[in-house]
Amino acid sequence: MFISCGNQTGNSKTTDKTGKEQTSRKDNTMKSPVGTYNAVEDGKPMQFVLNADGTGVENYQGTEKRPFKWKTKDEGIFFTYEGEAQEFQLPIDLAKGEIAYGTLVYKKE
């Protein structure tokens, strides 16, 4: 008798919303998004900090800090700024350790 375990490692192919085929790697562990991500805009620091407890802060040009809460949902990272209702998806590439937000690419420390 052959019994299969659902925890396979390998490549899987899916189709995105545009019908384009995407290949992704299945791993038993997902890289953690927790960390500090940095970029520079007009010579000023830009930063996203994601804490393990689901809180974070966006540091805008070293002058404005915007706290937020984040969570993993539908295979993505979503965040809501403190005091606001709108939820945003954080365009994070865990494999590269990058957040591509607007025209900036934040790199993980």
Protein backbone atom coordinates (compact mmCIF):
# COMPACT_ATOMS: atom_id res chain seq x y z
CA MET A 1 0.00 0.00 0.00
CA PHE A 2 1.34 3.46 -0.94
CA ILE A 3 0.61 6.46 1.27
CA SER A 4 1.40 9.96 0.10
CA CYS A 5 2.16 12.85 2.35
CA GLY A 6 0.98 16.31 1.27
CA ASN A 7 4.31 17.92 2.24
CA GLN A 8 6.07 17.74 -1.11
CA THR A 9 8.94 19.91 -2.18
CA GLY A 10 9.20 20.87 -5.83
CA ASN A 11 7.97 23.31 -8.43
CA SER A 12 4.32 24.07 -9.02
CA LYS A 13 2.74 25.94 -11.88
CA THR A 14 -0.21 28.27 -11.44
CA THR A 15 -1.94 30.82 -13.60
CA ASP A 16 -2.23 34.43 -12.47
CA LYS A 17 -5.19 36.76 -13.10
CA THR A 18 -3.90 37.67 -16.58
CA GLY A 19 -3.67 34.02 -17.61
CA LYS A 20 0.13 34.06 -17.50
CA GLU A 21 1.66 30.86 -16.18
CA GLN A 22 3.76 31.26 -13.04
CA THR A 23 6.18 28.74 -11.60
CA SER A 24 6.77 28.84 -7.89
CA ARG A 25 8.87 26.78 -5.53
CA LYS A 26 7.02 24.83 -2.85
CA ASP A 27 8.89 24.72 0.42
CA ASN A 28 7.83 23.43 3.79
CA THR A 29 8.96 26.71 5.37
CA MET A 30 8.19 30.24 4.25
CA LYS A 31 10.83 32.93 4.73
CA SER A 32 9.87 35.37 7.42
CA PRO A 33 8.97 38.92 6.38
CA VAL A 34 10.10 40.19 9.80
CA GLY A 35 12.92 42.71 9.54
CA THR A 36 13.97 46.18 8.49
CA TYR A 37 13.79 47.22 4.84
CA ASN A 38 15.62 50.36 3.67
CA ALA A 39 15.58 52.66 0.64
CA VAL A 40 16.66 56.23 -0.11
CA GLU A 41 14.48 58.88 -1.75
CA ASP A 42 15.98 62.27 -2.66
CA GLY A 43 18.91 61.50 -0.34
CA LYS A 44 16.59 60.83 2.62
CA PRO A 45 16.01 57.50 4.40
CA MET A 46 12.88 55.50 3.76
CA GLN A 47 12.19 52.43 5.85
CA PHE A 48 9.66 49.71 6.61
CA VAL A 49 10.08 47.77 9.85
CA LEU A 50 8.04 44.58 10.33
CA ASN A 51 8.09 43.20 13.87
CA ALA A 52 7.40 39.58 14.81
CA ASP A 53 4.32 40.60 16.83
CA GLY A 54 2.46 41.88 13.73
CA THR A 55 3.25 45.55 14.32
CA GLY A 56 5.44 47.76 12.20
CA VAL A 57 6.36 51.29 11.27
CA GLU A 58 7.02 53.17 8.07
CA ASN A 59 9.74 55.78 8.46
CA TYR A 60 9.19 58.44 5.79
CA GLN A 61 12.35 60.44 4.99
CA GLY A 62 13.40 60.37 8.64
CA THR A 63 10.71 62.92 9.54
CA GLU A 64 7.44 60.96 9.79
CA LYS A 65 6.84 57.57 11.41
CA ARG A 66 3.59 55.83 10.56
CA PRO A 67 2.78 52.81 12.76
CA PHE A 68 0.83 49.94 11.23
CA LYS A 69 -0.31 46.39 11.89
CA TRP A 70 0.47 43.64 9.39
CA LYS A 71 -0.67 40.08 8.76
CA THR A 72 -0.20 37.24 6.32
CA LYS A 73 -3.32 36.55 4.27
CA ASP A 74 -3.99 34.83 0.94
CA GLU A 75 -0.25 34.18 0.48
CA GLY A 76 0.52 37.91 0.81
CA ILE A 77 1.41 40.47 3.45
CA PHE A 78 -1.26 43.07 4.22
CA PHE A 79 -1.01 46.10 6.46
CA THR A 80 -3.26 48.79 7.92
CA TYR A 81 -1.93 52.12 9.17
CA GLU A 82 -2.84 52.96 12.77
CA GLY A 83 -6.13 54.87 12.92
CA GLU A 84 -7.09 54.02 9.33
CA ALA A 85 -9.47 51.38 7.98
CA GLN A 86 -8.03 50.78 4.51
CA GLU A 87 -5.86 47.68 4.14
CA PHE A 88 -2.96 47.69 1.70
CA GLN A 89 -1.01 44.78 0.26
CA LEU A 90 2.71 45.11 0.90
CA PRO A 91 4.48 44.19 -2.36
CA ILE A 92 7.17 42.06 -0.75
CA ASP A 93 9.40 39.50 -2.42
CA LEU A 94 10.55 37.25 0.42
CA ALA A 95 13.04 35.36 -1.73
CA LYS A 96 14.84 38.59 -2.70
CA GLY A 97 14.29 40.35 0.64
CA GLU A 98 12.75 43.33 -1.13
CA ILE A 99 9.67 45.52 -0.93
CA ALA A 100 8.82 47.30 -4.19
CA TYR A 101 6.55 50.12 -3.03
CA GLY A 102 5.78 52.94 -5.44
CA THR A 103 8.96 53.72 -7.34
CA LEU A 104 11.26 52.57 -4.53
CA VAL A 105 12.79 49.18 -3.82
CA TYR A 106 13.43 48.65 -0.12
CA LYS A 107 16.15 46.07 0.68
CA LYS A 108 16.13 43.95 3.81
CA GLU A 109 19.06 44.51 6.22
